[in-house]
N, C-alpha and C. Protein backbone atom coordinates (compact mmCIF):
# COMPACT_ATOMS: atom_id res chain seq x y z
N MET A 1 122.62 117.61 260.06
CA MET A 1 121.56 118.82 260.04
C MET A 1 121.43 119.65 259.24
N LEU A 2 122.55 120.03 259.26
CA LEU A 2 122.49 121.49 258.29
C LEU A 2 122.04 121.08 256.44
N ALA A 3 122.42 119.91 256.18
CA ALA A 3 122.12 119.67 255.14
C ALA A 3 120.56 119.45 254.86
N PHE A 4 119.92 119.56 256.09
CA PHE A 4 118.34 119.57 255.88
C PHE A 4 117.79 121.21 256.51
N ILE A 5 118.37 121.77 257.17
CA ILE A 5 118.13 123.45 257.55
C ILE A 5 118.33 124.07 256.54
N ILE A 6 119.62 123.76 255.59
CA ILE A 6 119.84 124.62 254.92
C ILE A 6 118.57 124.93 254.03
N PRO A 7 118.76 124.07 253.03
CA PRO A 7 118.01 124.20 251.70
C PRO A 7 116.06 124.30 252.27
N VAL A 8 115.57 124.14 253.58
CA VAL A 8 114.34 124.47 254.02
C VAL A 8 114.58 125.95 254.55
N ALA A 9 115.68 126.37 254.89
CA ALA A 9 115.71 128.08 255.20
C ALA A 9 115.74 128.50 253.41
N LEU A 10 116.30 128.27 252.76
CA LEU A 10 116.26 128.98 251.46
C LEU A 10 115.02 128.93 250.68
N LEU A 11 114.48 127.75 251.17
CA LEU A 11 112.94 127.60 250.44
C LEU A 11 111.87 128.30 250.77
N ALA A 12 112.18 128.12 252.29
CA ALA A 12 110.38 129.41 253.05
C ALA A 12 110.86 130.64 252.85
N GLY A 13 112.40 131.32 252.85
CA GLY A 13 113.08 132.68 252.40
C GLY A 13 112.65 133.40 251.15
N GLY A 14 112.91 132.02 249.94
CA GLY A 14 112.73 132.22 248.53
C GLY A 14 110.93 132.25 248.73
N PHE A 15 110.05 131.47 249.10
CA PHE A 15 108.64 131.40 248.66
C PHE A 15 108.12 132.79 249.74
N ALA A 16 108.64 133.25 250.82
CA ALA A 16 108.31 134.58 251.09
C ALA A 16 108.33 135.67 250.67
N ALA A 17 109.89 135.83 249.86
CA ALA A 17 110.22 136.93 248.89
C ALA A 17 109.48 136.93 247.86
N GLY A 18 108.97 135.76 247.23
CA GLY A 18 108.37 135.45 246.39
C GLY A 18 107.08 136.59 246.52
N GLY A 19 106.19 135.89 247.63
CA GLY A 19 104.87 136.33 247.99
C GLY A 19 104.88 137.80 248.37
N LEU A 20 106.04 138.29 248.66
CA LEU A 20 105.86 139.83 249.30
C LEU A 20 106.22 140.93 247.85
N MET A 21 107.02 140.15 246.50
CA MET A 21 107.09 140.83 245.62
C MET A 21 105.79 141.17 244.56
N ILE A 22 105.01 139.98 244.86
CA ILE A 22 103.37 139.69 243.92
C ILE A 22 103.09 140.65 245.04
N SER A 23 102.93 140.61 245.89
CA SER A 23 102.20 141.78 246.65
C SER A 23 102.49 143.02 246.50
N ALA A 24 103.61 143.24 246.32
CA ALA A 24 104.78 144.88 246.15
C ALA A 24 104.20 144.77 244.60
N LEU A 25 104.57 144.10 243.77
CA LEU A 25 104.46 144.89 242.75
C LEU A 25 103.31 144.21 241.21
N GLY A 26 102.49 143.55 242.13
CA GLY A 26 101.00 143.02 241.34
C GLY A 26 100.24 143.58 242.21
N GLY A 27 99.88 143.22 243.19
CA GLY A 27 98.82 142.93 244.15
C GLY A 27 98.48 144.55 244.40
N ALA A 28 99.66 145.50 244.83
CA ALA A 28 99.13 146.69 245.37
C ALA A 28 98.91 147.88 243.94
N PRO A 29 99.38 147.61 243.21
CA PRO A 29 99.01 148.37 242.06
C PRO A 29 97.77 148.25 241.29
N MET A 30 97.36 146.95 241.15
CA MET A 30 96.09 146.30 240.81
C MET A 30 94.93 147.05 241.86
N LEU A 31 95.28 147.09 243.32
CA LEU A 31 94.24 147.25 243.95
C LEU A 31 93.74 148.74 244.00
N LEU A 32 94.77 149.25 243.71
CA LEU A 32 95.01 150.93 244.11
C LEU A 32 94.25 151.55 242.24
N SER A 33 94.03 150.62 241.74
CA SER A 33 93.30 151.03 240.21
C SER A 33 91.93 150.51 240.17
N LEU A 34 91.40 149.67 241.58
CA LEU A 34 89.86 149.70 240.92
C LEU A 34 89.47 149.99 241.72
N SER A 35 87.80 149.89 241.34
CA SER A 35 86.90 151.53 242.03
C SER A 35 86.37 150.24 243.15
N VAL A 36 85.98 151.03 244.05
CA VAL A 36 85.29 150.08 245.28
C VAL A 36 84.80 148.92 245.20
N GLU A 37 83.71 148.86 244.51
CA GLU A 37 82.63 147.79 244.04
C GLU A 37 83.73 146.55 244.09
N ASN A 38 84.42 147.08 243.17
CA ASN A 38 85.92 146.15 242.50
C ASN A 38 86.50 145.70 243.74
N TYR A 39 86.99 146.57 244.27
CA TYR A 39 88.13 146.54 245.49
C TYR A 39 87.99 145.40 246.31
N LEU A 40 86.69 145.39 247.14
CA LEU A 40 86.41 144.60 248.14
C LEU A 40 86.45 143.49 247.88
N SER A 41 86.10 142.89 246.51
CA SER A 41 85.83 141.50 246.01
C SER A 41 87.39 141.21 246.00
N VAL A 42 88.23 141.78 245.30
CA VAL A 42 89.26 141.14 244.98
C VAL A 42 90.58 141.07 246.16
N HIS A 43 90.11 142.04 247.31
CA HIS A 43 90.65 142.11 248.30
C HIS A 43 90.40 140.99 249.17
N LYS A 44 89.21 140.49 249.37
CA LYS A 44 88.94 139.00 249.67
C LYS A 44 89.32 138.04 249.07
N GLY A 45 89.51 138.27 247.87
CA GLY A 45 90.22 136.81 247.19
C GLY A 45 91.41 136.98 247.75
N PHE A 46 92.34 138.34 247.74
CA PHE A 46 93.60 138.09 248.27
C PHE A 46 93.99 137.76 249.42
N ILE A 47 93.06 137.89 250.14
CA ILE A 47 93.29 137.93 251.42
C ILE A 47 93.33 135.84 252.16
N GLY A 48 91.85 135.59 251.23
CA GLY A 48 92.11 133.99 251.29
C GLY A 48 93.11 133.15 251.34
N ARG A 49 94.19 133.83 249.98
CA ARG A 49 95.19 132.93 249.12
C ARG A 49 96.46 133.25 249.90
N PHE A 50 96.64 134.47 250.58
CA PHE A 50 98.12 134.64 250.94
C PHE A 50 98.00 134.06 252.43
N ASP A 51 97.06 134.51 253.27
CA ASP A 51 96.73 134.51 254.67
C ASP A 51 97.55 133.21 255.42
N PRO A 52 97.08 132.02 255.07
CA PRO A 52 98.10 130.98 255.89
C PRO A 52 99.01 130.62 254.98
N PHE A 53 99.36 131.16 253.69
CA PHE A 53 101.15 130.92 252.58
C PHE A 53 101.87 131.64 253.74
N MET A 54 101.74 132.90 253.69
CA MET A 54 102.86 134.08 253.90
C MET A 54 103.42 133.93 255.53
N PRO A 55 102.01 133.39 256.51
CA PRO A 55 103.00 133.69 257.92
C PRO A 55 103.91 132.32 258.07
N ILE A 56 103.34 131.18 257.52
CA ILE A 56 104.06 129.67 257.50
C ILE A 56 105.45 129.84 256.91
N CYS A 57 105.76 130.58 255.74
CA CYS A 57 106.92 130.57 255.11
C CYS A 57 107.53 131.47 255.83
N ILE A 58 107.15 132.56 256.35
CA ILE A 58 108.26 133.61 256.97
C ILE A 58 108.29 133.17 258.11
N CYS A 59 107.75 132.28 259.01
CA CYS A 59 107.98 131.80 260.01
C CYS A 59 108.99 131.02 260.73
N THR A 60 108.78 130.22 259.18
CA THR A 60 109.69 128.93 258.56
C THR A 60 110.94 129.32 258.76
N ALA A 61 111.07 130.32 257.59
CA ALA A 61 112.15 131.14 257.44
C ALA A 61 112.99 131.36 258.34
N LEU A 62 112.43 132.28 259.65
CA LEU A 62 113.03 133.06 260.58
C LEU A 62 113.81 131.78 261.70
N VAL A 63 112.73 130.95 261.94
CA VAL A 63 113.16 129.69 262.24
C VAL A 63 114.23 129.15 262.01
N ALA A 64 114.33 128.75 260.61
CA ALA A 64 115.82 127.93 260.25
C ALA A 64 116.46 128.97 260.27
N ASP A 65 116.25 130.47 259.83
CA ASP A 65 117.96 131.08 259.80
C ASP A 65 118.20 131.10 261.20
N ALA A 66 117.53 131.12 262.12
CA ALA A 66 118.25 131.28 263.61
C ALA A 66 118.90 129.87 264.00
N VAL A 67 118.36 129.02 263.63
CA VAL A 67 119.58 127.72 263.79
C VAL A 67 120.33 127.67 263.07
N LEU A 68 120.14 127.85 261.80
CA LEU A 68 122.03 128.35 261.15
C LEU A 68 122.61 129.21 261.75
N ALA A 69 121.77 130.33 262.27
CA ALA A 69 123.07 131.26 262.63
C ALA A 69 123.84 130.78 263.96
N PHE A 70 122.87 129.61 264.67
CA PHE A 70 123.94 129.36 265.82
C PHE A 70 124.66 127.66 265.41
N LEU A 71 124.27 127.74 264.37
CA LEU A 71 124.81 126.20 263.75
C LEU A 71 126.29 126.07 263.01
N VAL A 72 125.88 126.94 262.45
CA VAL A 72 127.07 127.54 261.26
C VAL A 72 128.46 127.48 261.74
N PRO A 73 128.65 128.33 263.03
CA PRO A 73 129.74 128.58 263.89
C PRO A 73 130.45 127.33 264.27
N ILE A 74 129.56 126.96 264.60
CA ILE A 74 130.30 125.25 265.69
C ILE A 74 130.50 124.36 264.30
N ALA A 75 130.06 124.51 262.92
CA ALA A 75 130.35 123.64 261.50
C ALA A 75 131.40 124.26 260.70
N SER A 76 131.60 125.65 260.59
CA SER A 76 132.74 126.16 260.20
C SER A 76 134.06 126.16 260.94
N ALA A 77 134.03 126.15 262.46
CA ALA A 77 135.09 125.54 262.88
C ALA A 77 135.63 124.16 262.40
N HIS A 78 134.94 123.34 262.04
CA HIS A 78 135.84 121.67 261.59
C HIS A 78 136.07 122.46 260.14
N ALA A 79 135.58 122.67 259.32
CA ALA A 79 135.41 122.68 257.83
C ALA A 79 136.68 123.30 257.25
N CYS A 80 137.42 122.69 257.37
CA CYS A 80 138.64 123.54 256.90
C CYS A 80 138.79 123.98 255.23
N PRO A 81 137.65 123.57 254.26
CA PRO A 81 137.93 124.48 253.09
C PRO A 81 137.18 125.57 252.82
N ALA A 82 136.45 126.07 253.81
CA ALA A 82 136.20 127.09 254.46
C ALA A 82 136.71 128.02 255.04
N ARG A 83 137.41 127.77 255.62
CA ARG A 83 139.02 128.61 256.58
C ARG A 83 139.90 128.49 255.05
N ALA A 84 140.00 127.73 254.49
CA ALA A 84 140.97 127.73 253.03
C ALA A 84 140.90 128.93 252.19
N LEU A 85 139.12 128.68 252.03
CA LEU A 85 138.83 129.85 250.88
C LEU A 85 138.89 130.86 251.51
N THR A 86 138.42 131.42 253.06
CA THR A 86 138.12 132.67 253.40
C THR A 86 140.09 133.65 253.52
N THR A 87 140.95 132.05 254.08
CA THR A 87 142.17 133.18 254.11
C THR A 87 143.15 133.24 253.05
N TRP A 88 142.66 132.19 251.83
CA TRP A 88 143.13 132.77 250.27
C TRP A 88 142.50 134.03 249.85
N SER A 89 141.35 134.70 250.15
CA SER A 89 140.78 135.47 249.40
C SER A 89 141.49 136.63 250.21
N ILE A 90 141.59 136.95 251.22
CA ILE A 90 142.36 138.00 251.84
C ILE A 90 143.73 138.04 252.08
N LYS A 91 144.38 136.83 251.70
CA LYS A 91 145.53 136.98 251.28
C LYS A 91 146.53 137.37 250.17
N SER A 92 144.93 136.58 249.21
CA SER A 92 145.78 136.89 247.58
C SER A 92 145.40 137.83 246.91
N ARG A 93 144.59 138.74 247.98
CA ARG A 93 144.27 140.58 247.15
C ARG A 93 145.48 141.03 246.80
N PRO A 94 145.70 141.72 245.55
CA PRO A 94 146.92 142.83 245.46
C PRO A 94 146.87 143.86 246.19
N ALA A 95 148.33 144.63 246.19
CA ALA A 95 148.35 145.95 247.35
C ALA A 95 147.54 146.69 246.40
N VAL A 96 146.90 147.46 247.34
CA VAL A 96 145.81 148.61 246.75
C VAL A 96 146.61 150.04 246.93
N THR A 97 147.24 150.61 245.62
CA THR A 97 147.99 151.78 246.06
C THR A 97 147.19 153.17 245.85
N PRO A 98 147.17 154.24 246.26
CA PRO A 98 146.18 154.76 246.12
C PRO A 98 146.50 155.69 244.68
N ALA A 99 145.70 156.04 243.74
CA ALA A 99 145.57 156.51 242.78
C ALA A 99 146.18 158.00 242.72
N LEU A 100 147.15 158.23 241.88
CA LEU A 100 147.83 159.82 242.31
C LEU A 100 146.37 160.56 241.59
N VAL A 101 146.24 161.96 242.08
CA VAL A 101 145.15 162.52 241.10
C VAL A 101 146.37 163.88 240.90
């Protein structure tokens, strides 16, 4: 089940982030620079393109991430490599001595 949900969560979250980035970096500055007559026609075009796309991506990412939040602790309890990696990274860190000023 995780092999299906992880790619769905990553893909939906990536699409949602891309859509928000297009709106913030491209759409908003362009709309601010338009005259009132041009603004209305361009804004109508944006609404028709992003309305079905963004809610679907954001809701899919939300649901997939919520499912992963409940499934990953169960799956990681059985995954020895994940536990070995976390214990290795904690134990193998060199002792940090404060620098004398």
